[in-house]
Amino acid sequence: YVKGQYGRSPGPISDDIRRLIIGDEEVITVRPADLLAPMYEKMKGEAIQAGLIKKEEDVLTYILYPAIAPSFLKGERTAEPIPSPVQKKDAGLSMPTSMQVEVDGETFTVRILAIGDKPVEEKPKVTKPSQSDIPGGVKSNMQGMVLKIMVGRGDKVAAGDTLVVLEAMKMENPISSPRDGVVKEIFVDAGDTVLAGDVLLVVE
């Protein structure tokens, strides 16, 4: 940011602060995107070599979603169907009675009492095992997409080893092992979207 790779800052940054962060590196004054090397032909070549391209738009799919595009383009993964809206008036809408919201990195559960002037009918609660109760579970600390899984079942890991890499807001965020142990279970695949608190894998 101080170097100018995210554009011009809204206010001046003092020379002392700038030197503490980037030393004598030159501050960018041009449009940052102009400094990026063209990637289309390079990534198109990668995708063709991997046998992923059947039509031109497949190239863009691979460039935009390099982590999950290969499995889609190979037919190993299919898009989840979008549920059809209820057509009949007397069919009744299945409305949520609660939702989870994230505020400043903390997750809160909010109960919905009414939508407009119509109260929400709360469905009977069904008790089911929670993933958060799994012994040895390693949880996600944020919402994001699984970019890479760095371990496999049966692998021995040490505390601090990177287990999973999540992508959030175009940044890679490593999830590290909290303990020494062995990877017993993996609940996610590359391309999956996870929420804060979701158990990604088990290390015991």
N, C-alpha and C. Protein backbone atom coordinates (compact mmCIF):
# COMPACT_ATOMS: atom_id res chain seq x y z
N TYR A 1 0.84 -1.21 0.00
CA TYR A 1 0.00 0.00 0.00
C TYR A 1 0.87 1.25 0.00
N VAL A 2 1.89 1.26 0.88
CA VAL A 2 2.77 2.43 0.98
C VAL A 2 3.56 2.62 -0.31
N LYS A 3 3.87 1.51 -0.98
CA LYS A 3 4.63 1.59 -2.23
C LYS A 3 3.78 2.09 -3.39
N GLY A 4 2.44 2.12 -3.21
CA GLY A 4 1.56 2.61 -4.26
C GLY A 4 0.97 1.53 -5.14
N GLN A 5 1.15 0.25 -4.76
CA GLN A 5 0.65 -0.83 -5.60
C GLN A 5 -0.87 -0.98 -5.54
N TYR A 6 -1.52 -0.28 -4.61
CA TYR A 6 -2.98 -0.26 -4.55
C TYR A 6 -3.53 1.10 -4.99
N GLY A 7 -2.70 1.90 -5.64
CA GLY A 7 -3.12 3.22 -6.07
C GLY A 7 -2.64 4.29 -5.10
N ARG A 8 -2.99 5.51 -5.40
CA ARG A 8 -2.54 6.65 -4.60
C ARG A 8 -3.31 6.70 -3.28
N SER A 9 -2.60 6.93 -2.18
CA SER A 9 -3.27 7.03 -0.88
C SER A 9 -4.07 8.32 -0.80
N PRO A 10 -5.17 8.33 -0.03
CA PRO A 10 -6.01 9.53 0.05
C PRO A 10 -5.32 10.71 0.72
N GLY A 11 -4.29 10.43 1.49
CA GLY A 11 -3.54 11.50 2.15
C GLY A 11 -2.06 11.23 2.06
N PRO A 12 -1.22 12.23 2.29
CA PRO A 12 0.23 12.02 2.19
C PRO A 12 0.74 11.11 3.30
N ILE A 13 1.76 10.30 2.97
CA ILE A 13 2.43 9.45 3.94
C ILE A 13 3.79 10.06 4.23
N SER A 14 4.09 10.25 5.50
CA SER A 14 5.34 10.94 5.86
C SER A 14 6.55 10.12 5.40
N ASP A 15 7.63 10.82 5.10
CA ASP A 15 8.85 10.15 4.65
C ASP A 15 9.38 9.19 5.71
N ASP A 16 9.24 9.54 6.99
CA ASP A 16 9.75 8.67 8.06
C ASP A 16 9.00 7.34 8.08
N ILE A 17 7.68 7.41 7.97
CA ILE A 17 6.87 6.19 7.96
C ILE A 17 7.18 5.36 6.72
N ARG A 18 7.28 6.04 5.57
CA ARG A 18 7.56 5.33 4.32
C ARG A 18 8.89 4.59 4.39
N ARG A 19 9.93 5.24 4.93
CA ARG A 19 11.25 4.61 5.02
C ARG A 19 11.23 3.41 5.97
N LEU A 20 10.43 3.50 7.05
CA LEU A 20 10.34 2.37 7.98
C LEU A 20 9.73 1.14 7.31
N ILE A 21 8.83 1.37 6.36
CA ILE A 21 8.10 0.26 5.75
C ILE A 21 8.77 -0.27 4.50
N ILE A 22 9.18 0.61 3.58
CA ILE A 22 9.73 0.13 2.31
C ILE A 22 11.18 0.56 2.07
N GLY A 23 11.79 1.22 3.08
CA GLY A 23 13.19 1.62 2.93
C GLY A 23 13.37 2.60 1.79
N ASP A 24 14.32 2.31 0.90
CA ASP A 24 14.63 3.21 -0.21
C ASP A 24 13.93 2.80 -1.51
N GLU A 25 12.97 1.87 -1.43
CA GLU A 25 12.25 1.47 -2.64
C GLU A 25 11.46 2.65 -3.21
N GLU A 26 11.38 2.68 -4.54
CA GLU A 26 10.69 3.78 -5.21
C GLU A 26 9.18 3.64 -5.11
N VAL A 27 8.51 4.74 -4.86
CA VAL A 27 7.05 4.74 -4.79
C VAL A 27 6.48 4.79 -6.20
N ILE A 28 5.49 3.94 -6.45
CA ILE A 28 4.86 3.88 -7.77
C ILE A 28 3.94 5.08 -7.95
N THR A 29 4.07 5.77 -9.07
CA THR A 29 3.20 6.93 -9.33
C THR A 29 2.32 6.69 -10.56
N VAL A 30 2.52 5.55 -11.24
CA VAL A 30 1.70 5.25 -12.42
C VAL A 30 0.54 4.36 -11.99
N ARG A 31 -0.33 4.03 -12.94
CA ARG A 31 -1.43 3.11 -12.67
C ARG A 31 -0.83 1.73 -12.37
N PRO A 32 -1.07 1.17 -11.17
CA PRO A 32 -0.42 -0.10 -10.80
C PRO A 32 -0.64 -1.22 -11.80
N ALA A 33 -1.83 -1.30 -12.40
CA ALA A 33 -2.12 -2.38 -13.34
C ALA A 33 -1.22 -2.33 -14.57
N ASP A 34 -0.69 -1.15 -14.89
CA ASP A 34 0.19 -1.02 -16.05
C ASP A 34 1.52 -1.75 -15.85
N LEU A 35 1.84 -2.09 -14.59
CA LEU A 35 3.10 -2.75 -14.30
C LEU A 35 2.98 -4.27 -14.33
N LEU A 36 1.75 -4.80 -14.48
CA LEU A 36 1.55 -6.24 -14.51
C LEU A 36 1.89 -6.79 -15.89
N ALA A 37 2.62 -7.90 -15.88
CA ALA A 37 2.96 -8.53 -17.16
C ALA A 37 1.73 -9.20 -17.76
N PRO A 38 1.55 -9.16 -19.09
CA PRO A 38 0.40 -9.84 -19.72
C PRO A 38 0.42 -11.33 -19.40
N MET A 39 -0.73 -11.88 -18.95
CA MET A 39 -0.81 -13.27 -18.52
C MET A 39 -1.67 -14.14 -19.43
N TYR A 40 -2.41 -13.53 -20.35
CA TYR A 40 -3.39 -14.30 -21.11
C TYR A 40 -2.75 -15.45 -21.88
N GLU A 41 -1.75 -15.13 -22.71
CA GLU A 41 -1.14 -16.15 -23.56
C GLU A 41 -0.42 -17.22 -22.74
N LYS A 42 0.23 -16.79 -21.64
CA LYS A 42 0.95 -17.75 -20.79
C LYS A 42 -0.02 -18.76 -20.18
N MET A 43 -1.12 -18.25 -19.59
CA MET A 43 -2.06 -19.14 -18.92
C MET A 43 -2.89 -19.93 -19.94
N LYS A 44 -3.11 -19.36 -21.11
CA LYS A 44 -3.78 -20.11 -22.17
C LYS A 44 -2.94 -21.32 -22.56
N GLY A 45 -1.63 -21.10 -22.67
CA GLY A 45 -0.74 -22.21 -23.00
C GLY A 45 -0.77 -23.29 -21.93
N GLU A 46 -0.80 -22.90 -20.65
CA GLU A 46 -0.89 -23.87 -19.56
C GLU A 46 -2.17 -24.68 -19.67
N ALA A 47 -3.28 -23.99 -19.93
CA ALA A 47 -4.58 -24.66 -19.99
C ALA A 47 -4.67 -25.61 -21.19
N ILE A 48 -4.11 -25.20 -22.33
CA ILE A 48 -4.11 -26.07 -23.52
C ILE A 48 -3.27 -27.31 -23.26
N GLN A 49 -2.11 -27.12 -22.64
CA GLN A 49 -1.22 -28.24 -22.34
C GLN A 49 -1.90 -29.23 -21.39
N ALA A 50 -2.75 -28.72 -20.48
CA ALA A 50 -3.45 -29.58 -19.53
C ALA A 50 -4.72 -30.18 -20.13
N GLY A 51 -5.04 -29.83 -21.37
CA GLY A 51 -6.22 -30.38 -22.04
C GLY A 51 -7.53 -29.84 -21.51
N LEU A 52 -7.55 -28.56 -21.10
CA LEU A 52 -8.75 -27.99 -20.48
C LEU A 52 -9.61 -27.17 -21.43
N ILE A 53 -9.10 -26.83 -22.61
CA ILE A 53 -9.76 -25.84 -23.46
C ILE A 53 -10.56 -26.51 -24.57
N LYS A 54 -11.87 -26.23 -24.56
CA LYS A 54 -12.75 -26.66 -25.65
C LYS A 54 -13.30 -25.46 -26.41
N LYS A 55 -13.42 -24.34 -25.75
CA LYS A 55 -13.86 -23.10 -26.39
C LYS A 55 -13.13 -21.93 -25.74
N GLU A 56 -13.16 -20.78 -26.40
CA GLU A 56 -12.34 -19.64 -25.97
C GLU A 56 -12.65 -19.19 -24.55
N GLU A 57 -13.95 -19.23 -24.15
CA GLU A 57 -14.28 -18.77 -22.80
C GLU A 57 -13.69 -19.65 -21.71
N ASP A 58 -13.30 -20.88 -22.07
CA ASP A 58 -12.64 -21.74 -21.09
C ASP A 58 -11.32 -21.15 -20.63
N VAL A 59 -10.67 -20.38 -21.50
CA VAL A 59 -9.41 -19.73 -21.13
C VAL A 59 -9.66 -18.73 -20.01
N LEU A 60 -10.72 -17.93 -20.15
CA LEU A 60 -11.04 -16.93 -19.13
C LEU A 60 -11.43 -17.61 -17.82
N THR A 61 -12.17 -18.70 -17.92
CA THR A 61 -12.54 -19.44 -16.71
C THR A 61 -11.30 -19.89 -15.96
N TYR A 62 -10.32 -20.40 -16.70
CA TYR A 62 -9.07 -20.88 -16.08
C TYR A 62 -8.29 -19.72 -15.47
N ILE A 63 -8.25 -18.58 -16.15
CA ILE A 63 -7.50 -17.43 -15.63
C ILE A 63 -8.15 -16.88 -14.37
N LEU A 64 -9.48 -16.79 -14.35
CA LEU A 64 -10.18 -16.21 -13.21
C LEU A 64 -10.23 -17.13 -12.01
N TYR A 65 -10.34 -18.45 -12.27
CA TYR A 65 -10.50 -19.41 -11.17
C TYR A 65 -9.51 -20.56 -11.31
N PRO A 66 -8.20 -20.28 -11.20
CA PRO A 66 -7.20 -21.33 -11.47
C PRO A 66 -7.26 -22.50 -10.49
N ALA A 67 -7.79 -22.27 -9.29
CA ALA A 67 -7.82 -23.35 -8.30
C ALA A 67 -8.90 -24.38 -8.59
N ILE A 68 -10.07 -23.93 -9.06
CA ILE A 68 -11.19 -24.86 -9.23
C ILE A 68 -11.57 -25.09 -10.69
N ALA A 69 -11.09 -24.23 -11.61
CA ALA A 69 -11.46 -24.38 -13.02
C ALA A 69 -11.06 -25.74 -13.61
N PRO A 70 -9.87 -26.27 -13.30
CA PRO A 70 -9.51 -27.56 -13.92
C PRO A 70 -10.52 -28.67 -13.66
N SER A 71 -11.03 -28.79 -12.42
CA SER A 71 -11.98 -29.86 -12.13
C SER A 71 -13.30 -29.63 -12.85
N PHE A 72 -13.72 -28.36 -13.02
CA PHE A 72 -14.94 -28.07 -13.78
C PHE A 72 -14.76 -28.37 -15.26
N LEU A 73 -13.65 -27.92 -15.81
CA LEU A 73 -13.41 -28.08 -17.24
C LEU A 73 -13.16 -29.53 -17.63
N LYS A 74 -12.69 -30.34 -16.68
CA LYS A 74 -12.51 -31.77 -16.94
C LYS A 74 -13.79 -32.57 -16.70
N GLY A 75 -14.83 -31.89 -16.15
CA GLY A 75 -16.09 -32.57 -15.87
C GLY A 75 -16.10 -33.32 -14.56
N GLU A 76 -15.07 -33.11 -13.73
CA GLU A 76 -15.01 -33.80 -12.44
C GLU A 76 -15.90 -33.14 -11.41
N ARG A 77 -16.24 -31.88 -11.61
CA ARG A 77 -17.08 -31.13 -10.68
C ARG A 77 -18.17 -30.44 -11.48
N THR A 78 -19.39 -30.43 -10.98
CA THR A 78 -20.50 -29.77 -11.67
C THR A 78 -21.05 -28.66 -10.80
N ALA A 79 -21.66 -27.68 -11.44
CA ALA A 79 -22.25 -26.57 -10.70
C ALA A 79 -23.47 -27.05 -9.93
N GLU A 80 -23.63 -26.51 -8.72
CA GLU A 80 -24.79 -26.88 -7.93
C GLU A 80 -26.04 -26.25 -8.54
N PRO A 81 -27.15 -27.02 -8.65
CA PRO A 81 -28.36 -26.46 -9.24
C PRO A 81 -28.97 -25.37 -8.35
N ILE A 82 -29.51 -24.34 -9.01
CA ILE A 82 -30.19 -23.27 -8.28
C ILE A 82 -31.62 -23.71 -8.03
N PRO A 83 -32.06 -23.74 -6.76
CA PRO A 83 -33.42 -24.20 -6.48
C PRO A 83 -34.45 -23.29 -7.11
N SER A 84 -35.52 -23.90 -7.64
CA SER A 84 -36.59 -23.13 -8.26
C SER A 84 -37.41 -22.43 -7.19
N PRO A 85 -37.86 -21.19 -7.46
CA PRO A 85 -38.71 -20.50 -6.49
C PRO A 85 -40.07 -21.18 -6.41
N VAL A 86 -40.72 -21.07 -5.25
CA VAL A 86 -42.04 -21.65 -5.05
C VAL A 86 -43.04 -20.89 -5.92
N GLN A 87 -43.83 -21.62 -6.71
CA GLN A 87 -44.76 -20.99 -7.64
C GLN A 87 -46.15 -20.80 -7.03
N LYS A 88 -46.59 -21.76 -6.20
CA LYS A 88 -47.95 -21.69 -5.68
C LYS A 88 -48.01 -20.81 -4.44
N LYS A 89 -49.10 -20.03 -4.36
CA LYS A 89 -49.26 -19.16 -3.21
C LYS A 89 -49.45 -19.94 -1.92
N ASP A 90 -50.15 -21.12 -2.03
CA ASP A 90 -50.44 -21.88 -0.83
C ASP A 90 -49.34 -22.87 -0.47
N ALA A 91 -48.26 -22.83 -1.26
CA ALA A 91 -47.19 -23.78 -0.98
C ALA A 91 -46.41 -23.39 0.26
N GLY A 92 -46.42 -22.08 0.58
CA GLY A 92 -45.70 -21.61 1.76
C GLY A 92 -44.21 -21.48 1.49
N LEU A 93 -43.60 -20.43 2.05
CA LEU A 93 -42.18 -20.20 1.87
C LEU A 93 -41.43 -20.74 3.08
N SER A 94 -40.33 -21.39 2.81
CA SER A 94 -39.49 -21.86 3.90
C SER A 94 -38.50 -20.75 4.24
N MET A 95 -38.82 -19.98 5.28
CA MET A 95 -38.00 -18.83 5.63
C MET A 95 -37.03 -19.21 6.75
N PRO A 96 -35.82 -18.66 6.70
CA PRO A 96 -34.88 -18.94 7.78
C PRO A 96 -35.34 -18.28 9.07
N THR A 97 -35.04 -18.92 10.19
CA THR A 97 -35.38 -18.35 11.48
C THR A 97 -34.17 -17.77 12.19
N SER A 98 -32.99 -18.01 11.64
CA SER A 98 -31.77 -17.42 12.22
C SER A 98 -30.71 -17.36 11.14
N MET A 99 -29.71 -16.54 11.39
CA MET A 99 -28.59 -16.43 10.45
C MET A 99 -27.34 -16.07 11.23
N GLN A 100 -26.20 -16.36 10.63
CA GLN A 100 -24.93 -15.97 11.23
C GLN A 100 -24.38 -14.76 10.50
N VAL A 101 -23.93 -13.76 11.27
CA VAL A 101 -23.33 -12.57 10.67
C VAL A 101 -21.95 -12.39 11.29
N GLU A 102 -21.05 -11.81 10.49
CA GLU A 102 -19.70 -11.55 10.97
C GLU A 102 -19.48 -10.06 11.10
N VAL A 103 -19.03 -9.61 12.27
CA VAL A 103 -18.76 -8.20 12.54
C VAL A 103 -17.35 -8.09 13.10
N ASP A 104 -16.48 -7.39 12.38
CA ASP A 104 -15.10 -7.19 12.81
C ASP A 104 -14.42 -8.50 13.18
N GLY A 105 -14.67 -9.54 12.38
CA GLY A 105 -14.00 -10.81 12.60
C GLY A 105 -14.68 -11.72 13.60
N GLU A 106 -15.72 -11.24 14.29
CA GLU A 106 -16.44 -12.08 15.24
C GLU A 106 -17.75 -12.54 14.63
N THR A 107 -18.14 -13.79 14.88
CA THR A 107 -19.35 -14.37 14.33
C THR A 107 -20.46 -14.35 15.38
N PHE A 108 -21.64 -13.83 14.99
CA PHE A 108 -22.79 -13.76 15.88
C PHE A 108 -23.96 -14.48 15.24
N THR A 109 -24.79 -15.13 16.06
CA THR A 109 -26.02 -15.75 15.58
C THR A 109 -27.19 -14.82 15.88
N VAL A 110 -27.97 -14.48 14.83
CA VAL A 110 -29.10 -13.55 14.95
C VAL A 110 -30.38 -14.30 14.68
N ARG A 111 -31.36 -14.21 15.59
CA ARG A 111 -32.66 -14.87 15.40
C ARG A 111 -33.60 -13.92 14.68
N ILE A 112 -34.28 -14.40 13.63
CA ILE A 112 -35.20 -13.58 12.84
C ILE A 112 -36.60 -13.76 13.41
N LEU A 113 -37.20 -12.66 13.88
CA LEU A 113 -38.54 -12.72 14.46
C LEU A 113 -39.64 -12.42 13.45
N ALA A 114 -39.37 -11.51 12.51
CA ALA A 114 -40.39 -11.15 11.53
C ALA A 114 -39.72 -10.59 10.30
N ILE A 115 -40.41 -10.73 9.17
CA ILE A 115 -39.98 -10.11 7.92
C ILE A 115 -41.11 -9.18 7.51
N GLY A 116 -40.84 -7.87 7.56
CA GLY A 116 -41.91 -6.90 7.38
C GLY A 116 -42.86 -6.99 8.57
N ASP A 117 -44.16 -7.15 8.29
CA ASP A 117 -45.13 -7.29 9.38
C ASP A 117 -45.55 -8.74 9.59
N LYS A 118 -44.85 -9.67 8.94
CA LYS A 118 -45.22 -11.09 9.06
C LYS A 118 -44.22 -11.81 9.95
N PRO A 119 -44.70 -12.39 11.06
CA PRO A 119 -43.79 -13.13 11.93
C PRO A 119 -43.30 -14.39 11.25
N VAL A 120 -42.08 -14.76 11.55
CA VAL A 120 -41.50 -15.98 11.00
C VAL A 120 -41.85 -17.14 11.91
N GLU A 121 -42.43 -18.19 11.31
CA GLU A 121 -42.76 -19.38 12.09
C GLU A 121 -41.51 -20.20 12.28
N GLU A 122 -41.16 -20.38 13.54
CA GLU A 122 -39.94 -21.12 13.84
C GLU A 122 -40.20 -22.61 13.76
N LYS A 123 -39.34 -23.31 12.99
CA LYS A 123 -39.49 -24.75 12.84
C LYS A 123 -38.91 -25.45 14.07
N PRO A 124 -39.44 -26.62 14.37
CA PRO A 124 -38.84 -27.37 15.48
C PRO A 124 -37.38 -27.66 15.21
N LYS A 125 -36.57 -27.50 16.22
CA LYS A 125 -35.14 -27.71 16.06
C LYS A 125 -34.82 -29.19 16.02
N VAL A 126 -33.95 -29.55 15.09
CA VAL A 126 -33.50 -30.94 14.98
C VAL A 126 -32.06 -30.99 15.46
N THR A 127 -31.82 -31.76 16.47
CA THR A 127 -30.47 -31.86 17.02
C THR A 127 -29.63 -32.78 16.16
N LYS A 128 -28.50 -32.27 15.74
CA LYS A 128 -27.59 -33.10 14.94
C LYS A 128 -26.16 -32.84 15.39
N PRO A 129 -25.28 -33.78 15.16
CA PRO A 129 -23.90 -33.57 15.60
C PRO A 129 -23.31 -32.33 14.95
N SER A 130 -22.57 -31.57 15.71
CA SER A 130 -21.92 -30.36 15.20
C SER A 130 -20.47 -30.66 14.88
N GLN A 131 -20.02 -30.15 13.72
CA GLN A 131 -18.61 -30.35 13.36
C GLN A 131 -17.69 -29.70 14.37
N SER A 132 -18.20 -28.64 15.04
CA SER A 132 -17.35 -27.94 16.00
C SER A 132 -17.01 -28.80 17.20
N ASP A 133 -17.75 -29.92 17.40
CA ASP A 133 -17.51 -30.80 18.53
C ASP A 133 -16.51 -31.91 18.20
N ILE A 134 -15.98 -31.95 16.99
CA ILE A 134 -15.08 -33.02 16.60
C ILE A 134 -13.74 -32.87 17.32
N PRO A 135 -13.31 -33.90 18.07
CA PRO A 135 -12.00 -33.81 18.73
C PRO A 135 -10.88 -33.66 17.71
N GLY A 136 -9.97 -32.73 17.98
CA GLY A 136 -8.83 -32.53 17.08
C GLY A 136 -9.14 -31.70 15.86
N GLY A 137 -10.38 -31.17 15.78
CA GLY A 137 -10.77 -30.39 14.60
C GLY A 137 -9.98 -29.10 14.49
N VAL A 138 -9.53 -28.79 13.27
CA VAL A 138 -8.84 -27.52 12.99
C VAL A 138 -9.81 -26.65 12.22
N LYS A 139 -10.16 -25.50 12.79
CA LYS A 139 -11.22 -24.66 12.23
C LYS A 139 -10.65 -23.55 11.35
N SER A 140 -11.50 -23.09 10.44
CA SER A 140 -11.17 -21.89 9.65
C SER A 140 -11.37 -20.67 10.53
N ASN A 141 -10.47 -19.71 10.43
CA ASN A 141 -10.62 -18.48 11.22
C ASN A 141 -11.23 -17.35 10.40
N MET A 142 -11.72 -17.69 9.20
CA MET A 142 -12.29 -16.66 8.34
C MET A 142 -13.17 -17.30 7.28
N GLN A 143 -13.92 -16.47 6.59
CA GLN A 143 -14.67 -16.94 5.43
C GLN A 143 -13.77 -16.82 4.21
N GLY A 144 -13.78 -17.84 3.37
CA GLY A 144 -12.95 -17.78 2.17
C GLY A 144 -13.11 -19.04 1.33
N MET A 145 -12.28 -19.13 0.31
CA MET A 145 -12.29 -20.29 -0.58
C MET A 145 -11.02 -21.10 -0.36
N VAL A 146 -11.18 -22.42 -0.32
CA VAL A 146 -10.02 -23.29 -0.15
C VAL A 146 -9.20 -23.26 -1.44
N LEU A 147 -7.98 -22.75 -1.34
CA LEU A 147 -7.11 -22.64 -2.51
C LEU A 147 -6.23 -23.87 -2.66
N LYS A 148 -5.63 -24.32 -1.56
CA LYS A 148 -4.74 -25.47 -1.60
C LYS A 148 -4.88 -26.27 -0.31
N ILE A 149 -4.78 -27.59 -0.44
CA ILE A 149 -4.68 -28.46 0.72
C ILE A 149 -3.26 -29.02 0.71
N MET A 150 -2.51 -28.68 1.74
CA MET A 150 -1.07 -28.96 1.74
C MET A 150 -0.72 -30.32 2.32
N VAL A 151 -1.70 -31.03 2.87
CA VAL A 151 -1.42 -32.32 3.51
C VAL A 151 -2.41 -33.36 3.02
N GLY A 152 -2.15 -34.62 3.35
CA GLY A 152 -3.06 -35.72 3.04
C GLY A 152 -3.36 -36.52 4.29
N ARG A 153 -4.36 -37.38 4.21
CA ARG A 153 -4.69 -38.23 5.35
C ARG A 153 -3.49 -39.12 5.69
N GLY A 154 -3.20 -39.19 6.98
CA GLY A 154 -2.08 -40.00 7.43
C GLY A 154 -0.76 -39.26 7.54
N ASP A 155 -0.71 -38.01 7.04
CA ASP A 155 0.54 -37.25 7.12
C ASP A 155 0.82 -36.83 8.56
N LYS A 156 2.09 -36.88 8.95
CA LYS A 156 2.50 -36.36 10.24
C LYS A 156 2.80 -34.87 10.09
N VAL A 157 2.30 -34.07 11.02
CA VAL A 157 2.52 -32.62 10.96
C VAL A 157 3.01 -32.13 12.32
N ALA A 158 3.68 -30.99 12.29
CA ALA A 158 4.15 -30.35 13.52
C ALA A 158 3.37 -29.07 13.74
N ALA A 159 3.30 -28.64 14.98
CA ALA A 159 2.63 -27.38 15.29
C ALA A 159 3.24 -26.25 14.46
N GLY A 160 2.40 -25.49 13.79
CA GLY A 160 2.87 -24.39 12.96
C GLY A 160 2.95 -24.73 11.48
N ASP A 161 2.89 -26.02 11.13
CA ASP A 161 2.91 -26.41 9.71
C ASP A 161 1.64 -25.92 9.02
N THR A 162 1.77 -25.47 7.77
CA THR A 162 0.60 -25.05 7.01
C THR A 162 -0.18 -26.27 6.54
N LEU A 163 -1.48 -26.30 6.85
CA LEU A 163 -2.34 -27.41 6.48
C LEU A 163 -3.17 -27.08 5.25
N VAL A 164 -3.76 -25.89 5.26
CA VAL A 164 -4.67 -25.45 4.20
C VAL A 164 -4.37 -23.99 3.89
N VAL A 165 -4.52 -23.60 2.63
CA VAL A 165 -4.40 -22.19 2.25
C VAL A 165 -5.76 -21.72 1.77
N LEU A 166 -6.28 -20.68 2.42
CA LEU A 166 -7.55 -20.07 2.03
C LEU A 166 -7.30 -18.80 1.24
N GLU A 167 -8.20 -18.51 0.31
CA GLU A 167 -8.14 -17.25 -0.43
C GLU A 167 -9.31 -16.39 0.01
N ALA A 168 -9.01 -15.18 0.45
CA ALA A 168 -10.04 -14.23 0.84
C ALA A 168 -9.61 -12.85 0.36
N MET A 169 -10.46 -12.20 -0.41
CA MET A 169 -10.17 -10.87 -0.96
C MET A 169 -8.84 -10.86 -1.72
N LYS A 170 -8.63 -11.94 -2.53
CA LYS A 170 -7.45 -12.08 -3.39
C LYS A 170 -6.16 -12.21 -2.60
N MET A 171 -6.25 -12.56 -1.32
CA MET A 171 -5.05 -12.77 -0.51
C MET A 171 -5.03 -14.21 -0.02
N GLU A 172 -3.83 -14.80 0.02
CA GLU A 172 -3.68 -16.17 0.50
C GLU A 172 -3.44 -16.16 2.01
N ASN A 173 -4.22 -16.99 2.73
CA ASN A 173 -4.16 -17.03 4.18
C ASN A 173 -3.91 -18.47 4.63
N PRO A 174 -2.74 -18.75 5.20
CA PRO A 174 -2.44 -20.11 5.64
C PRO A 174 -3.15 -20.46 6.94
N ILE A 175 -3.66 -21.68 7.03
CA ILE A 175 -4.21 -22.22 8.27
C ILE A 175 -3.20 -23.23 8.80
N SER A 176 -2.66 -22.95 9.98
CA SER A 176 -1.56 -23.76 10.52
C SER A 176 -2.08 -24.78 11.53
N SER A 177 -1.30 -25.82 11.71
CA SER A 177 -1.64 -26.84 12.69
C SER A 177 -1.41 -26.31 14.09
N PRO A 178 -2.39 -26.46 14.97
CA PRO A 178 -2.20 -25.98 16.35
C PRO A 178 -1.40 -26.94 17.22
N ARG A 179 -1.08 -28.13 16.67
CA ARG A 179 -0.42 -29.14 17.50
C ARG A 179 0.37 -30.11 16.62
N ASP A 180 1.27 -30.85 17.24
CA ASP A 180 1.91 -31.98 16.57
C ASP A 180 0.89 -33.12 16.48
N GLY A 181 0.93 -33.89 15.40
CA GLY A 181 0.01 -35.00 15.30
C GLY A 181 -0.05 -35.58 13.90
N VAL A 182 -1.13 -36.32 13.65
CA VAL A 182 -1.35 -36.98 12.36
C VAL A 182 -2.69 -36.52 11.80
N VAL A 183 -2.73 -36.25 10.49
CA VAL A 183 -3.96 -35.83 9.83
C VAL A 183 -4.88 -37.04 9.71
N LYS A 184 -6.02 -37.00 10.43
CA LYS A 184 -6.94 -38.14 10.45
C LYS A 184 -8.05 -37.99 9.41
N GLU A 185 -8.57 -36.78 9.25
CA GLU A 185 -9.67 -36.54 8.31
C GLU A 185 -9.48 -35.21 7.62
N ILE A 186 -9.96 -35.11 6.39
CA ILE A 186 -9.99 -33.84 5.64
C ILE A 186 -11.41 -33.66 5.12
N PHE A 187 -12.04 -32.56 5.48
CA PHE A 187 -13.45 -32.35 5.16
C PHE A 187 -13.69 -31.43 3.97
N VAL A 188 -12.63 -30.86 3.40
CA VAL A 188 -12.80 -29.88 2.32
C VAL A 188 -11.97 -30.28 1.11
N ASP A 189 -12.34 -29.70 -0.04
CA ASP A 189 -11.57 -29.85 -1.28
C ASP A 189 -11.20 -28.47 -1.79
N ALA A 190 -10.20 -28.39 -2.65
CA ALA A 190 -9.85 -27.13 -3.29
C ALA A 190 -11.07 -26.61 -4.05
N GLY A 191 -11.37 -25.33 -3.85
CA GLY A 191 -12.53 -24.72 -4.50
C GLY A 191 -13.73 -24.59 -3.60
N ASP A 192 -13.73 -25.30 -2.44
CA ASP A 192 -14.86 -25.19 -1.51
C ASP A 192 -14.84 -23.84 -0.82
N THR A 193 -16.04 -23.32 -0.52
CA THR A 193 -16.18 -22.09 0.26
C THR A 193 -16.46 -22.47 1.71
N VAL A 194 -15.75 -21.85 2.64
CA VAL A 194 -15.92 -22.16 4.05
C VAL A 194 -16.22 -20.88 4.82
N LEU A 195 -16.83 -21.06 5.98
CA LEU A 195 -17.16 -19.96 6.87
C LEU A 195 -16.24 -20.00 8.08
N ALA A 196 -16.15 -18.88 8.79
CA ALA A 196 -15.38 -18.85 10.02
C ALA A 196 -15.98 -19.86 10.99
N GLY A 197 -15.13 -20.70 11.57
CA GLY A 197 -15.59 -21.71 12.52
C GLY A 197 -15.80 -23.07 11.92
N ASP A 198 -15.81 -23.19 10.58
CA ASP A 198 -15.96 -24.50 9.95
C ASP A 198 -14.72 -25.35 10.22
N VAL A 199 -14.94 -26.64 10.51
CA VAL A 199 -13.82 -27.55 10.71
C VAL A 199 -13.31 -28.00 9.34
N LEU A 200 -12.03 -27.78 9.10
CA LEU A 200 -11.43 -28.11 7.82
C LEU A 200 -10.86 -29.52 7.80
N LEU A 201 -10.22 -29.90 8.88
CA LEU A 201 -9.62 -31.23 8.97
C LEU A 201 -9.39 -31.57 10.44
N VAL A 202 -8.94 -32.78 10.68
CA VAL A 202 -8.70 -33.25 12.05
C VAL A 202 -7.23 -33.64 12.18
N VAL A 203 -6.58 -33.10 13.21
CA VAL A 203 -5.20 -33.46 13.53
C VAL A 203 -5.19 -33.99 14.96
N GLU A 204 -4.77 -35.22 15.13
CA GLU A 204 -4.70 -35.84 16.47
C GLU A 204 -3.31 -36.42 16.71
